[in-house]
Amino acid sequence: MYIPKYYEVTDLAEIESFVRNHPFGTIISNDNGRPLATHVPMEMSRDGDGHVITGHLAKGNPQWKTIDDNADILLIFQGPHAYVSSSWYENEEVSTWNYQSVHIYGSGTLLSEDELENDLIHLLDRYEGHRDRGRTWDNLSDKNKAQMKGIVGFKIEVDEVQAAYKMNQNKSGKDYDSVMEHLSGKNDQNANQIAEEMKRHKK
């Protein structure tokens, strides 16, 4: 990913938080030179001195066959994004687009049945554990648990992380504040979220 220095994010704790807050990503691999992509929820966790990302694909999805022992997997996690009008600047400029995005490169392996079950337990605890009668693993029927046979789990060992937060860091304080004000005032959830991120990262 092309990242001008203004927008580059290298704080791994910040990137971990971003992936956790935007877990629905895209896994990309190749099948004889043809790119394959699937949009799936994934989890990033620490593994010794490094990090891994886990998830699963439907067994009917042929992409899972391209992941095992593959050192060229790309994962993309996208955050909020919004159009920025040049009319919001003090002087004439070009319009642009603000966004947050993380690209992660790594090596793929498939999970064993036990590893997949543990990953699903963790996933359900996160999304169901806080609910009344939440459908955590312990609360699932044997019939529903048996559906695990229809999916294939994967693990990506993280080799490289590229992160970009493009949020007008190259603009003056006055222009920066103007963009925040205009984005926060729009009836657009993405624009509002970018405004909040600009406030959080304002220097």
C-alpha atoms as a PDB file:
ATOM      1  CA  MET A   1       0.000   0.000   0.000  1.00  0.00           C
ATOM      2  CA  TYR A   2       1.336   3.419  -0.911  1.00  0.00           C
ATOM      3  CA  ILE A   3       1.542   5.471   2.302  1.00  0.00           C
ATOM      4  CA  PRO A   4       2.934   9.033   2.375  1.00  0.00           C
ATOM      5  CA  LYS A   5       4.829   9.677   5.614  1.00  0.00           C
ATOM      6  CA  TYR A   6       2.129  12.081   6.807  1.00  0.00           C
ATOM      7  CA  TYR A   7      -0.353   9.217   7.047  1.00  0.00           C
ATOM      8  CA  GLU A   8       1.756   6.255   8.117  1.00  0.00           C
ATOM      9  CA  VAL A   9       0.851   4.520  11.404  1.00  0.00           C
ATOM     10  CA  THR A  10       3.500   2.337  13.045  1.00  0.00           C
ATOM     11  CA  ASP A  11       2.197   2.030  16.619  1.00  0.00           C
ATOM     12  CA  LEU A  12       1.383  -1.689  16.842  1.00  0.00           C
ATOM     13  CA  ALA A  13      -0.910  -1.225  19.842  1.00  0.00           C
ATOM     14  CA  GLU A  14      -2.934   1.293  17.820  1.00  0.00           C
ATOM     15  CA  ILE A  15      -3.091  -1.122  14.867  1.00  0.00           C
ATOM     16  CA  GLU A  16      -4.182  -4.010  17.111  1.00  0.00           C
ATOM     17  CA  SER A  17      -6.966  -1.823  18.477  1.00  0.00           C
ATOM     18  CA  PHE A  18      -7.993  -0.828  14.956  1.00  0.00           C
ATOM     19  CA  VAL A  19      -8.241  -4.444  13.785  1.00  0.00           C
ATOM     20  CA  ARG A  20     -10.200  -5.387  16.894  1.00  0.00           C
ATOM     21  CA  ASN A  21     -12.644  -2.535  16.284  1.00  0.00           C
ATOM     22  CA  HIS A  22     -12.939  -3.287  12.532  1.00  0.00           C
ATOM     23  CA  PRO A  23     -12.758  -7.110  12.470  1.00  0.00           C
ATOM     24  CA  PHE A  24     -14.691  -7.646   9.237  1.00  0.00           C
ATOM     25  CA  GLY A  25     -11.860  -7.777   6.737  1.00  0.00           C
ATOM     26  CA  THR A  26     -10.855  -9.235   3.402  1.00  0.00           C
ATOM     27  CA  ILE A  27      -8.528 -12.208   2.959  1.00  0.00           C
ATOM     28  CA  ILE A  28      -6.758 -12.323  -0.400  1.00  0.00           C
ATOM     29  CA  SER A  29      -4.766 -15.197  -1.874  1.00  0.00           C
ATOM     30  CA  ASN A  30      -3.884 -16.501  -5.337  1.00  0.00           C
ATOM     31  CA  ASP A  31      -4.891 -19.610  -7.229  1.00  0.00           C
ATOM     32  CA  ASN A  32      -2.465 -20.103 -10.123  1.00  0.00           C
ATOM     33  CA  GLY A  33      -2.058 -16.354 -10.504  1.00  0.00           C
ATOM     34  CA  ARG A  34      -5.753 -15.497 -10.165  1.00  0.00           C
ATOM     35  CA  PRO A  35      -6.572 -13.402  -7.059  1.00  0.00           C
ATOM     36  CA  LEU A  36      -9.254 -14.758  -4.721  1.00  0.00           C
ATOM     37  CA  ALA A  37     -10.894 -12.657  -1.997  1.00  0.00           C
ATOM     38  CA  THR A  38     -13.421 -13.347   0.752  1.00  0.00           C
ATOM     39  CA  HIS A  39     -14.926 -10.941   3.276  1.00  0.00           C
ATOM     40  CA  VAL A  40     -14.907 -12.484   6.752  1.00  0.00           C
ATOM     41  CA  PRO A  41     -14.641 -11.563  10.442  1.00  0.00           C
ATOM     42  CA  MET A  42     -11.135 -12.153  11.794  1.00  0.00           C
ATOM     43  CA  GLU A  43      -9.387 -11.879  15.149  1.00  0.00           C
ATOM     44  CA  MET A  44      -5.861 -10.594  15.790  1.00  0.00           C
ATOM     45  CA  SER A  45      -4.009 -11.917  18.841  1.00  0.00           C
ATOM     46  CA  ARG A  46      -0.509 -12.104  20.255  1.00  0.00           C
ATOM     47  CA  ASP A  47       1.466 -15.299  19.736  1.00  0.00           C
ATOM     48  CA  GLY A  48       4.787 -15.274  21.551  1.00  0.00           C
ATOM     49  CA  ASP A  49       6.764 -12.321  20.209  1.00  0.00           C
ATOM     50  CA  GLY A  50       4.517 -11.995  17.165  1.00  0.00           C
ATOM     51  CA  HIS A  51       0.893 -11.838  16.125  1.00  0.00           C
ATOM     52  CA  VAL A  52      -1.555 -14.135  14.374  1.00  0.00           C
ATOM     53  CA  ILE A  53      -4.916 -13.557  12.753  1.00  0.00           C
ATOM     54  CA  THR A  54      -7.535 -16.291  12.721  1.00  0.00           C
ATOM     55  CA  GLY A  55     -10.829 -16.808  10.961  1.00  0.00           C
ATOM     56  CA  HIS A  56     -12.751 -19.358   8.944  1.00  0.00           C
ATOM     57  CA  LEU A  57     -14.195 -19.915   5.479  1.00  0.00           C
ATOM     58  CA  ALA A  58     -17.070 -22.020   4.234  1.00  0.00           C
ATOM     59  CA  LYS A  59     -15.832 -25.416   3.099  1.00  0.00           C
ATOM     60  CA  GLY A  60     -17.652 -24.802  -0.170  1.00  0.00           C
ATOM     61  CA  ASN A  61     -15.441 -21.759  -0.778  1.00  0.00           C
ATOM     62  CA  PRO A  62     -12.426 -22.979  -2.803  1.00  0.00           C
ATOM     63  CA  GLN A  63     -10.216 -20.213  -1.419  1.00  0.00           C
ATOM     64  CA  TRP A  64      -9.429 -22.243   1.707  1.00  0.00           C
ATOM     65  CA  LYS A  65      -7.402 -24.614  -0.491  1.00  0.00           C
ATOM     66  CA  THR A  66      -4.997 -21.747  -1.320  1.00  0.00           C
ATOM     67  CA  ILE A  67      -4.163 -20.789   2.271  1.00  0.00           C
ATOM     68  CA  ASP A  68      -2.261 -23.702   3.783  1.00  0.00           C
ATOM     69  CA  ASP A  69       1.527 -23.307   3.531  1.00  0.00           C
ATOM     70  CA  ASN A  70       1.099 -20.055   1.621  1.00  0.00           C
ATOM     71  CA  ALA A  71       3.523 -17.260   2.537  1.00  0.00           C
ATOM     72  CA  ASP A  72       1.757 -14.632   0.418  1.00  0.00           C
ATOM     73  CA  ILE A  73      -1.558 -13.922   2.128  1.00  0.00           C
ATOM     74  CA  LEU A  74      -2.896 -10.364   2.267  1.00  0.00           C
ATOM     75  CA  LEU A  75      -5.512  -9.218   4.783  1.00  0.00           C
ATOM     76  CA  ILE A  76      -7.242  -5.835   4.482  1.00  0.00           C
ATOM     77  CA  PHE A  77      -9.127  -4.087   7.278  1.00  0.00           C
ATOM     78  CA  GLN A  78     -11.022  -0.921   6.389  1.00  0.00           C
ATOM     79  CA  GLY A  79     -12.226   1.751   8.766  1.00  0.00           C
ATOM     80  CA  PRO A  80     -14.432   4.800   8.205  1.00  0.00           C
ATOM     81  CA  HIS A  81     -13.910   6.985   5.149  1.00  0.00           C
ATOM     82  CA  ALA A  82     -15.352  10.262   3.907  1.00  0.00           C
ATOM     83  CA  TYR A  83     -15.147  12.759   1.062  1.00  0.00           C
ATOM     84  CA  VAL A  84     -13.394  16.024   1.909  1.00  0.00           C
ATOM     85  CA  SER A  85     -14.389  19.066  -0.141  1.00  0.00           C
ATOM     86  CA  SER A  86     -11.690  21.569  -1.054  1.00  0.00           C
ATOM     87  CA  SER A  87     -14.244  24.295  -0.302  1.00  0.00           C
ATOM     88  CA  TRP A  88     -13.629  23.629   3.385  1.00  0.00           C
ATOM     89  CA  TYR A  89     -10.048  24.941   3.159  1.00  0.00           C
ATOM     90  CA  GLU A  90      -9.049  28.562   3.632  1.00  0.00           C
ATOM     91  CA  ASN A  91      -7.299  28.677   0.248  1.00  0.00           C
ATOM     92  CA  GLU A  92      -8.027  26.907  -3.017  1.00  0.00           C
ATOM     93  CA  GLU A  93      -6.986  23.234  -2.913  1.00  0.00           C
ATOM     94  CA  VAL A  94      -8.015  19.932  -4.447  1.00  0.00           C
ATOM     95  CA  SER A  95     -10.685  17.762  -2.869  1.00  0.00           C
ATOM     96  CA  THR A  96      -9.691  14.421  -1.369  1.00  0.00           C
ATOM     97  CA  TRP A  97     -10.881  11.423   0.606  1.00  0.00           C
ATOM     98  CA  ASN A  98     -10.040  10.686   4.248  1.00  0.00           C
ATOM     99  CA  TYR A  99      -9.827   7.070   5.386  1.00  0.00           C
ATOM    100  CA  GLN A 100      -8.274   4.478   7.685  1.00  0.00           C
ATOM    101  CA  SER A 101      -6.922   1.219   6.317  1.00  0.00           C
ATOM    102  CA  VAL A 102      -4.630  -1.595   7.484  1.00  0.00           C
ATOM    103  CA  HIS A 103      -2.925  -4.140   5.229  1.00  0.00           C
ATOM    104  CA  ILE A 104      -1.384  -7.216   6.817  1.00  0.00           C
ATOM    105  CA  TYR A 105       0.853  -9.701   5.010  1.00  0.00           C
ATOM    106  CA  GLY A 106       1.512 -13.134   6.401  1.00  0.00           C
ATOM    107  CA  SER A 107       1.916 -16.875   6.065  1.00  0.00           C
ATOM    108  CA  GLY A 108      -1.136 -19.090   6.161  1.00  0.00           C
ATOM    109  CA  THR A 109      -1.901 -22.475   7.705  1.00  0.00           C
ATOM    110  CA  LEU A 110      -5.156 -24.312   8.314  1.00  0.00           C
ATOM    111  CA  LEU A 111      -6.475 -24.927  11.815  1.00  0.00           C
ATOM    112  CA  SER A 112      -7.007 -28.392  13.203  1.00  0.00           C
ATOM    113  CA  GLU A 113     -10.518 -29.304  14.350  1.00  0.00           C
ATOM    114  CA  ASP A 114      -9.579 -28.607  17.983  1.00  0.00           C
ATOM    115  CA  GLU A 115      -7.968 -25.284  17.072  1.00  0.00           C
ATOM    116  CA  LEU A 116     -11.028 -24.283  15.070  1.00  0.00           C
ATOM    117  CA  GLU A 117     -13.325 -25.147  17.981  1.00  0.00           C
ATOM    118  CA  ASN A 118     -11.219 -23.020  20.342  1.00  0.00           C
ATOM    119  CA  ASP A 119     -11.304 -20.153  17.857  1.00  0.00           C
ATOM    120  CA  LEU A 120     -15.103 -20.382  17.596  1.00  0.00           C
ATOM    121  CA  ILE A 121     -15.403 -20.458  21.402  1.00  0.00           C
ATOM    122  CA  HIS A 122     -13.406 -17.221  21.569  1.00  0.00           C
ATOM    123  CA  LEU A 123     -15.425 -15.647  18.737  1.00  0.00           C
ATOM    124  CA  LEU A 124     -18.783 -16.507  20.300  1.00  0.00           C
ATOM    125  CA  ASP A 125     -17.653 -15.332  23.731  1.00  0.00           C
ATOM    126  CA  ARG A 126     -16.790 -11.961  22.233  1.00  0.00           C
ATOM    127  CA  TYR A 127     -20.014 -11.431  20.313  1.00  0.00           C
ATOM    128  CA  GLU A 128     -22.510 -13.408  22.397  1.00  0.00           C
ATOM    129  CA  GLY A 129     -21.070 -13.545  25.925  1.00  0.00           C
ATOM    130  CA  HIS A 130     -22.607 -10.220  26.986  1.00  0.00           C
ATOM    131  CA  ARG A 131     -26.118 -11.052  25.728  1.00  0.00           C
ATOM    132  CA  ASP A 132     -29.021 -12.487  27.686  1.00  0.00           C
ATOM    133  CA  ARG A 133     -29.213 -16.115  26.591  1.00  0.00           C
ATOM    134  CA  GLY A 134     -26.193 -15.482  24.388  1.00  0.00           C
ATOM    135  CA  ARG A 135     -25.382 -18.240  21.925  1.00  0.00           C
ATOM    136  CA  THR A 136     -21.951 -19.058  23.303  1.00  0.00           C
ATOM    137  CA  TRP A 137     -20.401 -22.430  22.559  1.00  0.00           C
ATOM    138  CA  ASP A 138     -21.643 -23.913  25.835  1.00  0.00           C
ATOM    139  CA  ASN A 139     -25.195 -22.907  24.943  1.00  0.00           C
ATOM    140  CA  LEU A 140     -25.226 -24.375  21.434  1.00  0.00           C
ATOM    141  CA  SER A 141     -26.991 -27.620  20.652  1.00  0.00           C
ATOM    142  CA  ASP A 142     -25.003 -30.564  19.317  1.00  0.00           C
ATOM    143  CA  LYS A 143     -26.852 -30.050  16.037  1.00  0.00           C
ATOM    144  CA  ASN A 144     -25.516 -26.506  15.686  1.00  0.00           C
ATOM    145  CA  LYS A 145     -22.032 -27.491  16.830  1.00  0.00           C
ATOM    146  CA  ALA A 146     -22.003 -30.123  14.086  1.00  0.00           C
ATOM    147  CA  GLN A 147     -22.204 -27.315  11.516  1.00  0.00           C
ATOM    148  CA  MET A 148     -18.537 -26.703  12.272  1.00  0.00           C
ATOM    149  CA  LYS A 149     -17.869 -29.483   9.769  1.00  0.00           C
ATOM    150  CA  GLY A 150     -18.991 -27.063   7.051  1.00  0.00           C
ATOM    151  CA  ILE A 151     -16.206 -24.542   7.682  1.00  0.00           C
ATOM    152  CA  VAL A 152     -12.411 -24.488   7.522  1.00  0.00           C
ATOM    153  CA  GLY A 153     -10.366 -22.464  10.010  1.00  0.00           C
ATOM    154  CA  PHE A 154      -7.207 -20.592   9.101  1.00  0.00           C
ATOM    155  CA  LYS A 155      -4.355 -18.854  10.876  1.00  0.00           C
ATOM    156  CA  ILE A 156      -2.154 -16.150   9.382  1.00  0.00           C
ATOM    157  CA  GLU A 157       1.212 -15.514  11.027  1.00  0.00           C
ATOM    158  CA  VAL A 158       1.806 -11.800  10.634  1.00  0.00           C
ATOM    159  CA  ASP A 159       4.980 -10.928   8.730  1.00  0.00           C
ATOM    160  CA  GLU A 160       4.381  -7.286   7.784  1.00  0.00           C
ATOM    161  CA  VAL A 161       1.896  -4.573   8.727  1.00  0.00           C
ATOM    162  CA  GLN A 162       1.100  -1.441   6.723  1.00  0.00           C
ATOM    163  CA  ALA A 163      -1.316   1.106   8.162  1.00  0.00           C
ATOM    164  CA  ALA A 164      -2.571   4.414   6.816  1.00  0.00           C
ATOM    165  CA  TYR A 165      -4.735   6.996   8.547  1.00  0.00           C
ATOM    166  CA  LYS A 166      -5.286   9.709   5.936  1.00  0.00           C
ATOM    167  CA  MET A 167      -6.852  12.517   7.937  1.00  0.00           C
ATOM    168  CA  ASN A 168      -5.516  15.850   6.653  1.00  0.00           C
ATOM    169  CA  GLN A 169      -2.347  15.666   8.766  1.00  0.00           C
ATOM    170  CA  ASN A 170      -0.607  17.728   6.080  1.00  0.00           C
ATOM    171  CA  LYS A 171      -2.980  20.677   6.529  1.00  0.00           C
ATOM    172  CA  SER A 172      -2.748  23.707   8.796  1.00  0.00           C
ATOM    173  CA  GLY A 173      -4.560  23.743  12.107  1.00  0.00           C
ATOM    174  CA  LYS A 174      -7.251  26.038  10.724  1.00  0.00           C
ATOM    175  CA  ASP A 175      -7.941  23.818   7.701  1.00  0.00           C
ATOM    176  CA  TYR A 176      -7.760  20.694   9.872  1.00  0.00           C
ATOM    177  CA  ASP A 177     -10.352  22.107  12.265  1.00  0.00           C
ATOM    178  CA  SER A 178     -12.575  23.169   9.379  1.00  0.00           C
ATOM    179  CA  VAL A 179     -12.605  19.640   7.946  1.00  0.00           C
ATOM    180  CA  MET A 180     -13.437  18.178  11.372  1.00  0.00           C
ATOM    181  CA  GLU A 181     -16.291  20.646  11.790  1.00  0.00           C
ATOM    182  CA  HIS A 182     -17.798  19.950   8.379  1.00  0.00           C
ATOM    183  CA  LEU A 183     -17.494  16.168   8.729  1.00  0.00           C
ATOM    184  CA  SER A 184     -18.980  16.114  12.235  1.00  0.00           C
ATOM    185  CA  GLY A 185     -21.947  18.152  11.009  1.00  0.00           C
ATOM    186  CA  LYS A 186     -22.889  15.773   8.193  1.00  0.00           C
ATOM    187  CA  ASN A 187     -25.715  13.249   8.422  1.00  0.00           C
ATOM    188  CA  ASP A 188     -23.266  10.478   7.566  1.00  0.00           C
ATOM    189  CA  GLN A 189     -21.948   7.928  10.059  1.00  0.00           C
ATOM    190  CA  ASN A 190     -18.648   7.461   8.204  1.00  0.00           C
ATOM    191  CA  ALA A 191     -18.041  11.219   8.088  1.00  0.00           C
ATOM    192  CA  ASN A 192     -18.856  11.552  11.791  1.00  0.00           C
ATOM    193  CA  GLN A 193     -16.482   8.710  12.658  1.00  0.00           C
ATOM    194  CA  ILE A 194     -13.653  10.255  10.635  1.00  0.00           C
ATOM    195  CA  ALA A 195     -14.248  13.549  12.463  1.00  0.00           C
ATOM    196  CA  GLU A 196     -13.973  11.725  15.791  1.00  0.00           C
ATOM    197  CA  GLU A 197     -10.741  10.045  14.678  1.00  0.00           C
ATOM    198  CA  MET A 198      -9.349  13.408  13.570  1.00  0.00           C
ATOM    199  CA  LYS A 199     -10.116  14.801  17.021  1.00  0.00           C
ATOM    200  CA  ARG A 200      -8.449  11.793  18.677  1.00  0.00           C
ATOM    201  CA  HIS A 201      -5.272  12.142  16.632  1.00  0.00           C
ATOM    202  CA  LYS A 202      -5.060  15.940  16.542  1.00  0.00           C
ATOM    203  CA  LYS A 203      -1.595  17.180  17.499  1.00  0.00           C
END
